[in-house]
Amino acid sequence: GFNMTFAFHDDGLKTKAIIMVSRFG
């Protein structure tokens, strides 16, 4: 009805992340 983009989130779940690095750590 409002043309929404929406999402429900569980704040207890951690975001899975990939870290990319070169020579500065």
PDBML (XML) file of the C-alpha atoms, coordinates in Angstrom:
<?xml version="1.0" encoding="UTF-8" ?>
<PDBx:datablock datablockName="MODEL"
   xmlns:PDBx="http://pdbml.pdb.org/schema/pdbx-v50.xsd"
   xmlns:xsi="http://www.w3.org/2001/XMLSchema-instance"
   xsi:schemaLocation="http://pdbml.pdb.org/schema/pdbx-v50.xsd pdbx-v50.xsd">
   <PDBx:atom_siteCategory>
      <PDBx:atom_site id="1">
         <PDBx:B_iso_or_equiv>0.00</PDBx:B_iso_or_equiv>
         <PDBx:Cartn_x>0.000</PDBx:Cartn_x>
         <PDBx:Cartn_y>0.000</PDBx:Cartn_y>
         <PDBx:Cartn_z>0.000</PDBx:Cartn_z>
         <PDBx:auth_asym_id>A</PDBx:auth_asym_id>
         <PDBx:auth_atom_id>CA</PDBx:auth_atom_id>
         <PDBx:auth_comp_id>GLY</PDBx:auth_comp_id>
         <PDBx:auth_seq_id>1</PDBx:auth_seq_id>
         <PDBx:group_PDB>ATOM</PDBx:group_PDB>
         <PDBx:label_alt_id xsi:nil="true" />
         <PDBx:label_asym_id>A</PDBx:label_asym_id>
         <PDBx:label_atom_id>CA</PDBx:label_atom_id>
         <PDBx:label_comp_id>GLY</PDBx:label_comp_id>
         <PDBx:label_entity_id>1</PDBx:label_entity_id>
         <PDBx:label_seq_id>1</PDBx:label_seq_id>
         <PDBx:occupancy>1.00</PDBx:occupancy>
         <PDBx:pdbx_PDB_model_num>1</PDBx:pdbx_PDB_model_num>
         <PDBx:type_symbol>C</PDBx:type_symbol>
      </PDBx:atom_site>
      <PDBx:atom_site id="2">
         <PDBx:B_iso_or_equiv>0.00</PDBx:B_iso_or_equiv>
         <PDBx:Cartn_x>2.917</PDBx:Cartn_x>
         <PDBx:Cartn_y>2.353</PDBx:Cartn_y>
         <PDBx:Cartn_z>0.636</PDBx:Cartn_z>
         <PDBx:auth_asym_id>A</PDBx:auth_asym_id>
         <PDBx:auth_atom_id>CA</PDBx:auth_atom_id>
         <PDBx:auth_comp_id>PHE</PDBx:auth_comp_id>
         <PDBx:auth_seq_id>2</PDBx:auth_seq_id>
         <PDBx:group_PDB>ATOM</PDBx:group_PDB>
         <PDBx:label_alt_id xsi:nil="true" />
         <PDBx:label_asym_id>A</PDBx:label_asym_id>
         <PDBx:label_atom_id>CA</PDBx:label_atom_id>
         <PDBx:label_comp_id>PHE</PDBx:label_comp_id>
         <PDBx:label_entity_id>1</PDBx:label_entity_id>
         <PDBx:label_seq_id>2</PDBx:label_seq_id>
         <PDBx:occupancy>1.00</PDBx:occupancy>
         <PDBx:pdbx_PDB_model_num>1</PDBx:pdbx_PDB_model_num>
         <PDBx:type_symbol>C</PDBx:type_symbol>
      </PDBx:atom_site>
      <PDBx:atom_site id="3">
         <PDBx:B_iso_or_equiv>0.00</PDBx:B_iso_or_equiv>
         <PDBx:Cartn_x>5.244</PDBx:Cartn_x>
         <PDBx:Cartn_y>0.948</PDBx:Cartn_y>
         <PDBx:Cartn_z>-2.085</PDBx:Cartn_z>
         <PDBx:auth_asym_id>A</PDBx:auth_asym_id>
         <PDBx:auth_atom_id>CA</PDBx:auth_atom_id>
         <PDBx:auth_comp_id>ASN</PDBx:auth_comp_id>
         <PDBx:auth_seq_id>3</PDBx:auth_seq_id>
         <PDBx:group_PDB>ATOM</PDBx:group_PDB>
         <PDBx:label_alt_id xsi:nil="true" />
         <PDBx:label_asym_id>A</PDBx:label_asym_id>
         <PDBx:label_atom_id>CA</PDBx:label_atom_id>
         <PDBx:label_comp_id>ASN</PDBx:label_comp_id>
         <PDBx:label_entity_id>1</PDBx:label_entity_id>
         <PDBx:label_seq_id>3</PDBx:label_seq_id>
         <PDBx:occupancy>1.00</PDBx:occupancy>
         <PDBx:pdbx_PDB_model_num>1</PDBx:pdbx_PDB_model_num>
         <PDBx:type_symbol>C</PDBx:type_symbol>
      </PDBx:atom_site>
      <PDBx:atom_site id="4">
         <PDBx:B_iso_or_equiv>0.00</PDBx:B_iso_or_equiv>
         <PDBx:Cartn_x>7.738</PDBx:Cartn_x>
         <PDBx:Cartn_y>-0.002</PDBx:Cartn_y>
         <PDBx:Cartn_z>0.639</PDBx:Cartn_z>
         <PDBx:auth_asym_id>A</PDBx:auth_asym_id>
         <PDBx:auth_atom_id>CA</PDBx:auth_atom_id>
         <PDBx:auth_comp_id>MET</PDBx:auth_comp_id>
         <PDBx:auth_seq_id>4</PDBx:auth_seq_id>
         <PDBx:group_PDB>ATOM</PDBx:group_PDB>
         <PDBx:label_alt_id xsi:nil="true" />
         <PDBx:label_asym_id>A</PDBx:label_asym_id>
         <PDBx:label_atom_id>CA</PDBx:label_atom_id>
         <PDBx:label_comp_id>MET</PDBx:label_comp_id>
         <PDBx:label_entity_id>1</PDBx:label_entity_id>
         <PDBx:label_seq_id>4</PDBx:label_seq_id>
         <PDBx:occupancy>1.00</PDBx:occupancy>
         <PDBx:pdbx_PDB_model_num>1</PDBx:pdbx_PDB_model_num>
         <PDBx:type_symbol>C</PDBx:type_symbol>
      </PDBx:atom_site>
      <PDBx:atom_site id="5">
         <PDBx:B_iso_or_equiv>0.00</PDBx:B_iso_or_equiv>
         <PDBx:Cartn_x>11.031</PDBx:Cartn_x>
         <PDBx:Cartn_y>-1.817</PDBx:Cartn_y>
         <PDBx:Cartn_z>0.522</PDBx:Cartn_z>
         <PDBx:auth_asym_id>A</PDBx:auth_asym_id>
         <PDBx:auth_atom_id>CA</PDBx:auth_atom_id>
         <PDBx:auth_comp_id>THR</PDBx:auth_comp_id>
         <PDBx:auth_seq_id>5</PDBx:auth_seq_id>
         <PDBx:group_PDB>ATOM</PDBx:group_PDB>
         <PDBx:label_alt_id xsi:nil="true" />
         <PDBx:label_asym_id>A</PDBx:label_asym_id>
         <PDBx:label_atom_id>CA</PDBx:label_atom_id>
         <PDBx:label_comp_id>THR</PDBx:label_comp_id>
         <PDBx:label_entity_id>1</PDBx:label_entity_id>
         <PDBx:label_seq_id>5</PDBx:label_seq_id>
         <PDBx:occupancy>1.00</PDBx:occupancy>
         <PDBx:pdbx_PDB_model_num>1</PDBx:pdbx_PDB_model_num>
         <PDBx:type_symbol>C</PDBx:type_symbol>
      </PDBx:atom_site>
      <PDBx:atom_site id="6">
         <PDBx:B_iso_or_equiv>0.00</PDBx:B_iso_or_equiv>
         <PDBx:Cartn_x>11.275</PDBx:Cartn_x>
         <PDBx:Cartn_y>-3.489</PDBx:Cartn_y>
         <PDBx:Cartn_z>3.924</PDBx:Cartn_z>
         <PDBx:auth_asym_id>A</PDBx:auth_asym_id>
         <PDBx:auth_atom_id>CA</PDBx:auth_atom_id>
         <PDBx:auth_comp_id>PHE</PDBx:auth_comp_id>
         <PDBx:auth_seq_id>6</PDBx:auth_seq_id>
         <PDBx:group_PDB>ATOM</PDBx:group_PDB>
         <PDBx:label_alt_id xsi:nil="true" />
         <PDBx:label_asym_id>A</PDBx:label_asym_id>
         <PDBx:label_atom_id>CA</PDBx:label_atom_id>
         <PDBx:label_comp_id>PHE</PDBx:label_comp_id>
         <PDBx:label_entity_id>1</PDBx:label_entity_id>
         <PDBx:label_seq_id>6</PDBx:label_seq_id>
         <PDBx:occupancy>1.00</PDBx:occupancy>
         <PDBx:pdbx_PDB_model_num>1</PDBx:pdbx_PDB_model_num>
         <PDBx:type_symbol>C</PDBx:type_symbol>
      </PDBx:atom_site>
      <PDBx:atom_site id="7">
         <PDBx:B_iso_or_equiv>0.00</PDBx:B_iso_or_equiv>
         <PDBx:Cartn_x>13.058</PDBx:Cartn_x>
         <PDBx:Cartn_y>-6.174</PDBx:Cartn_y>
         <PDBx:Cartn_z>5.897</PDBx:Cartn_z>
         <PDBx:auth_asym_id>A</PDBx:auth_asym_id>
         <PDBx:auth_atom_id>CA</PDBx:auth_atom_id>
         <PDBx:auth_comp_id>ALA</PDBx:auth_comp_id>
         <PDBx:auth_seq_id>7</PDBx:auth_seq_id>
         <PDBx:group_PDB>ATOM</PDBx:group_PDB>
         <PDBx:label_alt_id xsi:nil="true" />
         <PDBx:label_asym_id>A</PDBx:label_asym_id>
         <PDBx:label_atom_id>CA</PDBx:label_atom_id>
         <PDBx:label_comp_id>ALA</PDBx:label_comp_id>
         <PDBx:label_entity_id>1</PDBx:label_entity_id>
         <PDBx:label_seq_id>7</PDBx:label_seq_id>
         <PDBx:occupancy>1.00</PDBx:occupancy>
         <PDBx:pdbx_PDB_model_num>1</PDBx:pdbx_PDB_model_num>
         <PDBx:type_symbol>C</PDBx:type_symbol>
      </PDBx:atom_site>
      <PDBx:atom_site id="8">
         <PDBx:B_iso_or_equiv>0.00</PDBx:B_iso_or_equiv>
         <PDBx:Cartn_x>12.730</PDBx:Cartn_x>
         <PDBx:Cartn_y>-7.740</PDBx:Cartn_y>
         <PDBx:Cartn_z>9.349</PDBx:Cartn_z>
         <PDBx:auth_asym_id>A</PDBx:auth_asym_id>
         <PDBx:auth_atom_id>CA</PDBx:auth_atom_id>
         <PDBx:auth_comp_id>PHE</PDBx:auth_comp_id>
         <PDBx:auth_seq_id>8</PDBx:auth_seq_id>
         <PDBx:group_PDB>ATOM</PDBx:group_PDB>
         <PDBx:label_alt_id xsi:nil="true" />
         <PDBx:label_asym_id>A</PDBx:label_asym_id>
         <PDBx:label_atom_id>CA</PDBx:label_atom_id>
         <PDBx:label_comp_id>PHE</PDBx:label_comp_id>
         <PDBx:label_entity_id>1</PDBx:label_entity_id>
         <PDBx:label_seq_id>8</PDBx:label_seq_id>
         <PDBx:occupancy>1.00</PDBx:occupancy>
         <PDBx:pdbx_PDB_model_num>1</PDBx:pdbx_PDB_model_num>
         <PDBx:type_symbol>C</PDBx:type_symbol>
      </PDBx:atom_site>
      <PDBx:atom_site id="9">
         <PDBx:B_iso_or_equiv>0.00</PDBx:B_iso_or_equiv>
         <PDBx:Cartn_x>15.976</PDBx:Cartn_x>
         <PDBx:Cartn_y>-8.485</PDBx:Cartn_y>
         <PDBx:Cartn_z>11.196</PDBx:Cartn_z>
         <PDBx:auth_asym_id>A</PDBx:auth_asym_id>
         <PDBx:auth_atom_id>CA</PDBx:auth_atom_id>
         <PDBx:auth_comp_id>HIS</PDBx:auth_comp_id>
         <PDBx:auth_seq_id>9</PDBx:auth_seq_id>
         <PDBx:group_PDB>ATOM</PDBx:group_PDB>
         <PDBx:label_alt_id xsi:nil="true" />
         <PDBx:label_asym_id>A</PDBx:label_asym_id>
         <PDBx:label_atom_id>CA</PDBx:label_atom_id>
         <PDBx:label_comp_id>HIS</PDBx:label_comp_id>
         <PDBx:label_entity_id>1</PDBx:label_entity_id>
         <PDBx:label_seq_id>9</PDBx:label_seq_id>
         <PDBx:occupancy>1.00</PDBx:occupancy>
         <PDBx:pdbx_PDB_model_num>1</PDBx:pdbx_PDB_model_num>
         <PDBx:type_symbol>C</PDBx:type_symbol>
      </PDBx:atom_site>
      <PDBx:atom_site id="10">
         <PDBx:B_iso_or_equiv>0.00</PDBx:B_iso_or_equiv>
         <PDBx:Cartn_x>16.947</PDBx:Cartn_x>
         <PDBx:Cartn_y>-10.589</PDBx:Cartn_y>
         <PDBx:Cartn_z>14.193</PDBx:Cartn_z>
         <PDBx:auth_asym_id>A</PDBx:auth_asym_id>
         <PDBx:auth_atom_id>CA</PDBx:auth_atom_id>
         <PDBx:auth_comp_id>ASP</PDBx:auth_comp_id>
         <PDBx:auth_seq_id>10</PDBx:auth_seq_id>
         <PDBx:group_PDB>ATOM</PDBx:group_PDB>
         <PDBx:label_alt_id xsi:nil="true" />
         <PDBx:label_asym_id>A</PDBx:label_asym_id>
         <PDBx:label_atom_id>CA</PDBx:label_atom_id>
         <PDBx:label_comp_id>ASP</PDBx:label_comp_id>
         <PDBx:label_entity_id>1</PDBx:label_entity_id>
         <PDBx:label_seq_id>10</PDBx:label_seq_id>
         <PDBx:occupancy>1.00</PDBx:occupancy>
         <PDBx:pdbx_PDB_model_num>1</PDBx:pdbx_PDB_model_num>
         <PDBx:type_symbol>C</PDBx:type_symbol>
      </PDBx:atom_site>
      <PDBx:atom_site id="11">
         <PDBx:B_iso_or_equiv>0.00</PDBx:B_iso_or_equiv>
         <PDBx:Cartn_x>19.383</PDBx:Cartn_x>
         <PDBx:Cartn_y>-8.404</PDBx:Cartn_y>
         <PDBx:Cartn_z>16.151</PDBx:Cartn_z>
         <PDBx:auth_asym_id>A</PDBx:auth_asym_id>
         <PDBx:auth_atom_id>CA</PDBx:auth_atom_id>
         <PDBx:auth_comp_id>ASP</PDBx:auth_comp_id>
         <PDBx:auth_seq_id>11</PDBx:auth_seq_id>
         <PDBx:group_PDB>ATOM</PDBx:group_PDB>
         <PDBx:label_alt_id xsi:nil="true" />
         <PDBx:label_asym_id>A</PDBx:label_asym_id>
         <PDBx:label_atom_id>CA</PDBx:label_atom_id>
         <PDBx:label_comp_id>ASP</PDBx:label_comp_id>
         <PDBx:label_entity_id>1</PDBx:label_entity_id>
         <PDBx:label_seq_id>11</PDBx:label_seq_id>
         <PDBx:occupancy>1.00</PDBx:occupancy>
         <PDBx:pdbx_PDB_model_num>1</PDBx:pdbx_PDB_model_num>
         <PDBx:type_symbol>C</PDBx:type_symbol>
      </PDBx:atom_site>
      <PDBx:atom_site id="12">
         <PDBx:B_iso_or_equiv>0.00</PDBx:B_iso_or_equiv>
         <PDBx:Cartn_x>20.828</PDBx:Cartn_x>
         <PDBx:Cartn_y>-11.512</PDBx:Cartn_y>
         <PDBx:Cartn_z>17.763</PDBx:Cartn_z>
         <PDBx:auth_asym_id>A</PDBx:auth_asym_id>
         <PDBx:auth_atom_id>CA</PDBx:auth_atom_id>
         <PDBx:auth_comp_id>GLY</PDBx:auth_comp_id>
         <PDBx:auth_seq_id>12</PDBx:auth_seq_id>
         <PDBx:group_PDB>ATOM</PDBx:group_PDB>
         <PDBx:label_alt_id xsi:nil="true" />
         <PDBx:label_asym_id>A</PDBx:label_asym_id>
         <PDBx:label_atom_id>CA</PDBx:label_atom_id>
         <PDBx:label_comp_id>GLY</PDBx:label_comp_id>
         <PDBx:label_entity_id>1</PDBx:label_entity_id>
         <PDBx:label_seq_id>12</PDBx:label_seq_id>
         <PDBx:occupancy>1.00</PDBx:occupancy>
         <PDBx:pdbx_PDB_model_num>1</PDBx:pdbx_PDB_model_num>
         <PDBx:type_symbol>C</PDBx:type_symbol>
      </PDBx:atom_site>
      <PDBx:atom_site id="13">
         <PDBx:B_iso_or_equiv>0.00</PDBx:B_iso_or_equiv>
         <PDBx:Cartn_x>22.237</PDBx:Cartn_x>
         <PDBx:Cartn_y>-12.786</PDBx:Cartn_y>
         <PDBx:Cartn_z>14.469</PDBx:Cartn_z>
         <PDBx:auth_asym_id>A</PDBx:auth_asym_id>
         <PDBx:auth_atom_id>CA</PDBx:auth_atom_id>
         <PDBx:auth_comp_id>LEU</PDBx:auth_comp_id>
         <PDBx:auth_seq_id>13</PDBx:auth_seq_id>
         <PDBx:group_PDB>ATOM</PDBx:group_PDB>
         <PDBx:label_alt_id xsi:nil="true" />
         <PDBx:label_asym_id>A</PDBx:label_asym_id>
         <PDBx:label_atom_id>CA</PDBx:label_atom_id>
         <PDBx:label_comp_id>LEU</PDBx:label_comp_id>
         <PDBx:label_entity_id>1</PDBx:label_entity_id>
         <PDBx:label_seq_id>13</PDBx:label_seq_id>
         <PDBx:occupancy>1.00</PDBx:occupancy>
         <PDBx:pdbx_PDB_model_num>1</PDBx:pdbx_PDB_model_num>
         <PDBx:type_symbol>C</PDBx:type_symbol>
      </PDBx:atom_site>
      <PDBx:atom_site id="14">
         <PDBx:B_iso_or_equiv>0.00</PDBx:B_iso_or_equiv>
         <PDBx:Cartn_x>25.708</PDBx:Cartn_x>
         <PDBx:Cartn_y>-11.665</PDBx:Cartn_y>
         <PDBx:Cartn_z>13.445</PDBx:Cartn_z>
         <PDBx:auth_asym_id>A</PDBx:auth_asym_id>
         <PDBx:auth_atom_id>CA</PDBx:auth_atom_id>
         <PDBx:auth_comp_id>LYS</PDBx:auth_comp_id>
         <PDBx:auth_seq_id>14</PDBx:auth_seq_id>
         <PDBx:group_PDB>ATOM</PDBx:group_PDB>
         <PDBx:label_alt_id xsi:nil="true" />
         <PDBx:label_asym_id>A</PDBx:label_asym_id>
         <PDBx:label_atom_id>CA</PDBx:label_atom_id>
         <PDBx:label_comp_id>LYS</PDBx:label_comp_id>
         <PDBx:label_entity_id>1</PDBx:label_entity_id>
         <PDBx:label_seq_id>14</PDBx:label_seq_id>
         <PDBx:occupancy>1.00</PDBx:occupancy>
         <PDBx:pdbx_PDB_model_num>1</PDBx:pdbx_PDB_model_num>
         <PDBx:type_symbol>C</PDBx:type_symbol>
      </PDBx:atom_site>
      <PDBx:atom_site id="15">
         <PDBx:B_iso_or_equiv>0.00</PDBx:B_iso_or_equiv>
         <PDBx:Cartn_x>26.475</PDBx:Cartn_x>
         <PDBx:Cartn_y>-10.536</PDBx:Cartn_y>
         <PDBx:Cartn_z>9.902</PDBx:Cartn_z>
         <PDBx:auth_asym_id>A</PDBx:auth_asym_id>
         <PDBx:auth_atom_id>CA</PDBx:auth_atom_id>
         <PDBx:auth_comp_id>THR</PDBx:auth_comp_id>
         <PDBx:auth_seq_id>15</PDBx:auth_seq_id>
         <PDBx:group_PDB>ATOM</PDBx:group_PDB>
         <PDBx:label_alt_id xsi:nil="true" />
         <PDBx:label_asym_id>A</PDBx:label_asym_id>
         <PDBx:label_atom_id>CA</PDBx:label_atom_id>
         <PDBx:label_comp_id>THR</PDBx:label_comp_id>
         <PDBx:label_entity_id>1</PDBx:label_entity_id>
         <PDBx:label_seq_id>15</PDBx:label_seq_id>
         <PDBx:occupancy>1.00</PDBx:occupancy>
         <PDBx:pdbx_PDB_model_num>1</PDBx:pdbx_PDB_model_num>
         <PDBx:type_symbol>C</PDBx:type_symbol>
      </PDBx:atom_site>
      <PDBx:atom_site id="16">
         <PDBx:B_iso_or_equiv>0.00</PDBx:B_iso_or_equiv>
         <PDBx:Cartn_x>28.804</PDBx:Cartn_x>
         <PDBx:Cartn_y>-12.943</PDBx:Cartn_y>
         <PDBx:Cartn_z>8.116</PDBx:Cartn_z>
         <PDBx:auth_asym_id>A</PDBx:auth_asym_id>
         <PDBx:auth_atom_id>CA</PDBx:auth_atom_id>
         <PDBx:auth_comp_id>LYS</PDBx:auth_comp_id>
         <PDBx:auth_seq_id>16</PDBx:auth_seq_id>
         <PDBx:group_PDB>ATOM</PDBx:group_PDB>
         <PDBx:label_alt_id xsi:nil="true" />
         <PDBx:label_asym_id>A</PDBx:label_asym_id>
         <PDBx:label_atom_id>CA</PDBx:label_atom_id>
         <PDBx:label_comp_id>LYS</PDBx:label_comp_id>
         <PDBx:label_entity_id>1</PDBx:label_entity_id>
         <PDBx:label_seq_id>16</PDBx:label_seq_id>
         <PDBx:occupancy>1.00</PDBx:occupancy>
         <PDBx:pdbx_PDB_model_num>1</PDBx:pdbx_PDB_model_num>
         <PDBx:type_symbol>C</PDBx:type_symbol>
      </PDBx:atom_site>
      <PDBx:atom_site id="17">
         <PDBx:B_iso_or_equiv>0.00</PDBx:B_iso_or_equiv>
         <PDBx:Cartn_x>31.750</PDBx:Cartn_x>
         <PDBx:Cartn_y>-10.964</PDBx:Cartn_y>
         <PDBx:Cartn_z>6.772</PDBx:Cartn_z>
         <PDBx:auth_asym_id>A</PDBx:auth_asym_id>
         <PDBx:auth_atom_id>CA</PDBx:auth_atom_id>
         <PDBx:auth_comp_id>ALA</PDBx:auth_comp_id>
         <PDBx:auth_seq_id>17</PDBx:auth_seq_id>
         <PDBx:group_PDB>ATOM</PDBx:group_PDB>
         <PDBx:label_alt_id xsi:nil="true" />
         <PDBx:label_asym_id>A</PDBx:label_asym_id>
         <PDBx:label_atom_id>CA</PDBx:label_atom_id>
         <PDBx:label_comp_id>ALA</PDBx:label_comp_id>
         <PDBx:label_entity_id>1</PDBx:label_entity_id>
         <PDBx:label_seq_id>17</PDBx:label_seq_id>
         <PDBx:occupancy>1.00</PDBx:occupancy>
         <PDBx:pdbx_PDB_model_num>1</PDBx:pdbx_PDB_model_num>
         <PDBx:type_symbol>C</PDBx:type_symbol>
      </PDBx:atom_site>
      <PDBx:atom_site id="18">
         <PDBx:B_iso_or_equiv>0.00</PDBx:B_iso_or_equiv>
         <PDBx:Cartn_x>34.795</PDBx:Cartn_x>
         <PDBx:Cartn_y>-11.557</PDBx:Cartn_y>
         <PDBx:Cartn_z>4.585</PDBx:Cartn_z>
         <PDBx:auth_asym_id>A</PDBx:auth_asym_id>
         <PDBx:auth_atom_id>CA</PDBx:auth_atom_id>
         <PDBx:auth_comp_id>ILE</PDBx:auth_comp_id>
         <PDBx:auth_seq_id>18</PDBx:auth_seq_id>
         <PDBx:group_PDB>ATOM</PDBx:group_PDB>
         <PDBx:label_alt_id xsi:nil="true" />
         <PDBx:label_asym_id>A</PDBx:label_asym_id>
         <PDBx:label_atom_id>CA</PDBx:label_atom_id>
         <PDBx:label_comp_id>ILE</PDBx:label_comp_id>
         <PDBx:label_entity_id>1</PDBx:label_entity_id>
         <PDBx:label_seq_id>18</PDBx:label_seq_id>
         <PDBx:occupancy>1.00</PDBx:occupancy>
         <PDBx:pdbx_PDB_model_num>1</PDBx:pdbx_PDB_model_num>
         <PDBx:type_symbol>C</PDBx:type_symbol>
      </PDBx:atom_site>
      <PDBx:atom_site id="19">
         <PDBx:B_iso_or_equiv>0.00</PDBx:B_iso_or_equiv>
         <PDBx:Cartn_x>37.791</PDBx:Cartn_x>
         <PDBx:Cartn_y>-9.303</PDBx:Cartn_y>
         <PDBx:Cartn_z>5.318</PDBx:Cartn_z>
         <PDBx:auth_asym_id>A</PDBx:auth_asym_id>
         <PDBx:auth_atom_id>CA</PDBx:auth_atom_id>
         <PDBx:auth_comp_id>ILE</PDBx:auth_comp_id>
         <PDBx:auth_seq_id>19</PDBx:auth_seq_id>
         <PDBx:group_PDB>ATOM</PDBx:group_PDB>
         <PDBx:label_alt_id xsi:nil="true" />
         <PDBx:label_asym_id>A</PDBx:label_asym_id>
         <PDBx:label_atom_id>CA</PDBx:label_atom_id>
         <PDBx:label_comp_id>ILE</PDBx:label_comp_id>
         <PDBx:label_entity_id>1</PDBx:label_entity_id>
         <PDBx:label_seq_id>19</PDBx:label_seq_id>
         <PDBx:occupancy>1.00</PDBx:occupancy>
         <PDBx:pdbx_PDB_model_num>1</PDBx:pdbx_PDB_model_num>
         <PDBx:type_symbol>C</PDBx:type_symbol>
      </PDBx:atom_site>
      <PDBx:atom_site id="20">
         <PDBx:B_iso_or_equiv>0.00</PDBx:B_iso_or_equiv>
         <PDBx:Cartn_x>40.134</PDBx:Cartn_x>
         <PDBx:Cartn_y>-8.493</PDBx:Cartn_y>
         <PDBx:Cartn_z>2.431</PDBx:Cartn_z>
         <PDBx:auth_asym_id>A</PDBx:auth_asym_id>
         <PDBx:auth_atom_id>CA</PDBx:auth_atom_id>
         <PDBx:auth_comp_id>MET</PDBx:auth_comp_id>
         <PDBx:auth_seq_id>20</PDBx:auth_seq_id>
         <PDBx:group_PDB>ATOM</PDBx:group_PDB>
         <PDBx:label_alt_id xsi:nil="true" />
         <PDBx:label_asym_id>A</PDBx:label_asym_id>
         <PDBx:label_atom_id>CA</PDBx:label_atom_id>
         <PDBx:label_comp_id>MET</PDBx:label_comp_id>
         <PDBx:label_entity_id>1</PDBx:label_entity_id>
         <PDBx:label_seq_id>20</PDBx:label_seq_id>
         <PDBx:occupancy>1.00</PDBx:occupancy>
         <PDBx:pdbx_PDB_model_num>1</PDBx:pdbx_PDB_model_num>
         <PDBx:type_symbol>C</PDBx:type_symbol>
      </PDBx:atom_site>
      <PDBx:atom_site id="21">
         <PDBx:B_iso_or_equiv>0.00</PDBx:B_iso_or_equiv>
         <PDBx:Cartn_x>43.602</PDBx:Cartn_x>
         <PDBx:Cartn_y>-7.087</PDBx:Cartn_y>
         <PDBx:Cartn_z>3.121</PDBx:Cartn_z>
         <PDBx:auth_asym_id>A</PDBx:auth_asym_id>
         <PDBx:auth_atom_id>CA</PDBx:auth_atom_id>
         <PDBx:auth_comp_id>VAL</PDBx:auth_comp_id>
         <PDBx:auth_seq_id>21</PDBx:auth_seq_id>
         <PDBx:group_PDB>ATOM</PDBx:group_PDB>
         <PDBx:label_alt_id xsi:nil="true" />
         <PDBx:label_asym_id>A</PDBx:label_asym_id>
         <PDBx:label_atom_id>CA</PDBx:label_atom_id>
         <PDBx:label_comp_id>VAL</PDBx:label_comp_id>
         <PDBx:label_entity_id>1</PDBx:label_entity_id>
         <PDBx:label_seq_id>21</PDBx:label_seq_id>
         <PDBx:occupancy>1.00</PDBx:occupancy>
         <PDBx:pdbx_PDB_model_num>1</PDBx:pdbx_PDB_model_num>
         <PDBx:type_symbol>C</PDBx:type_symbol>
      </PDBx:atom_site>
      <PDBx:atom_site id="22">
         <PDBx:B_iso_or_equiv>0.00</PDBx:B_iso_or_equiv>
         <PDBx:Cartn_x>46.924</PDBx:Cartn_x>
         <PDBx:Cartn_y>-6.506</PDBx:Cartn_y>
         <PDBx:Cartn_z>1.384</PDBx:Cartn_z>
         <PDBx:auth_asym_id>A</PDBx:auth_asym_id>
         <PDBx:auth_atom_id>CA</PDBx:auth_atom_id>
         <PDBx:auth_comp_id>SER</PDBx:auth_comp_id>
         <PDBx:auth_seq_id>22</PDBx:auth_seq_id>
         <PDBx:group_PDB>ATOM</PDBx:group_PDB>
         <PDBx:label_alt_id xsi:nil="true" />
         <PDBx:label_asym_id>A</PDBx:label_asym_id>
         <PDBx:label_atom_id>CA</PDBx:label_atom_id>
         <PDBx:label_comp_id>SER</PDBx:label_comp_id>
         <PDBx:label_entity_id>1</PDBx:label_entity_id>
         <PDBx:label_seq_id>22</PDBx:label_seq_id>
         <PDBx:occupancy>1.00</PDBx:occupancy>
         <PDBx:pdbx_PDB_model_num>1</PDBx:pdbx_PDB_model_num>
         <PDBx:type_symbol>C</PDBx:type_symbol>
      </PDBx:atom_site>
      <PDBx:atom_site id="23">
         <PDBx:B_iso_or_equiv>0.00</PDBx:B_iso_or_equiv>
         <PDBx:Cartn_x>50.070</PDBx:Cartn_x>
         <PDBx:Cartn_y>-5.412</PDBx:Cartn_y>
         <PDBx:Cartn_z>3.239</PDBx:Cartn_z>
         <PDBx:auth_asym_id>A</PDBx:auth_asym_id>
         <PDBx:auth_atom_id>CA</PDBx:auth_atom_id>
         <PDBx:auth_comp_id>ARG</PDBx:auth_comp_id>
         <PDBx:auth_seq_id>23</PDBx:auth_seq_id>
         <PDBx:group_PDB>ATOM</PDBx:group_PDB>
         <PDBx:label_alt_id xsi:nil="true" />
         <PDBx:label_asym_id>A</PDBx:label_asym_id>
         <PDBx:label_atom_id>CA</PDBx:label_atom_id>
         <PDBx:label_comp_id>ARG</PDBx:label_comp_id>
         <PDBx:label_entity_id>1</PDBx:label_entity_id>
         <PDBx:label_seq_id>23</PDBx:label_seq_id>
         <PDBx:occupancy>1.00</PDBx:occupancy>
         <PDBx:pdbx_PDB_model_num>1</PDBx:pdbx_PDB_model_num>
         <PDBx:type_symbol>C</PDBx:type_symbol>
      </PDBx:atom_site>
      <PDBx:atom_site id="24">
         <PDBx:B_iso_or_equiv>0.00</PDBx:B_iso_or_equiv>
         <PDBx:Cartn_x>48.736</PDBx:Cartn_x>
         <PDBx:Cartn_y>-2.870</PDBx:Cartn_y>
         <PDBx:Cartn_z>5.768</PDBx:Cartn_z>
         <PDBx:auth_asym_id>A</PDBx:auth_asym_id>
         <PDBx:auth_atom_id>CA</PDBx:auth_atom_id>
         <PDBx:auth_comp_id>PHE</PDBx:auth_comp_id>
         <PDBx:auth_seq_id>24</PDBx:auth_seq_id>
         <PDBx:group_PDB>ATOM</PDBx:group_PDB>
         <PDBx:label_alt_id xsi:nil="true" />
         <PDBx:label_asym_id>A</PDBx:label_asym_id>
         <PDBx:label_atom_id>CA</PDBx:label_atom_id>
         <PDBx:label_comp_id>PHE</PDBx:label_comp_id>
         <PDBx:label_entity_id>1</PDBx:label_entity_id>
         <PDBx:label_seq_id>24</PDBx:label_seq_id>
         <PDBx:occupancy>1.00</PDBx:occupancy>
         <PDBx:pdbx_PDB_model_num>1</PDBx:pdbx_PDB_model_num>
         <PDBx:type_symbol>C</PDBx:type_symbol>
      </PDBx:atom_site>
      <PDBx:atom_site id="25">
         <PDBx:B_iso_or_equiv>0.00</PDBx:B_iso_or_equiv>
         <PDBx:Cartn_x>47.290</PDBx:Cartn_x>
         <PDBx:Cartn_y>-4.848</PDBx:Cartn_y>
         <PDBx:Cartn_z>8.671</PDBx:Cartn_z>
         <PDBx:auth_asym_id>A</PDBx:auth_asym_id>
         <PDBx:auth_atom_id>CA</PDBx:auth_atom_id>
         <PDBx:auth_comp_id>GLY</PDBx:auth_comp_id>
         <PDBx:auth_seq_id>25</PDBx:auth_seq_id>
         <PDBx:group_PDB>ATOM</PDBx:group_PDB>
         <PDBx:label_alt_id xsi:nil="true" />
         <PDBx:label_asym_id>A</PDBx:label_asym_id>
         <PDBx:label_atom_id>CA</PDBx:label_atom_id>
         <PDBx:label_comp_id>GLY</PDBx:label_comp_id>
         <PDBx:label_entity_id>1</PDBx:label_entity_id>
         <PDBx:label_seq_id>25</PDBx:label_seq_id>
         <PDBx:occupancy>1.00</PDBx:occupancy>
         <PDBx:pdbx_PDB_model_num>1</PDBx:pdbx_PDB_model_num>
         <PDBx:type_symbol>C</PDBx:type_symbol>
      </PDBx:atom_site>
   </PDBx:atom_siteCategory>
</PDBx:datablock>
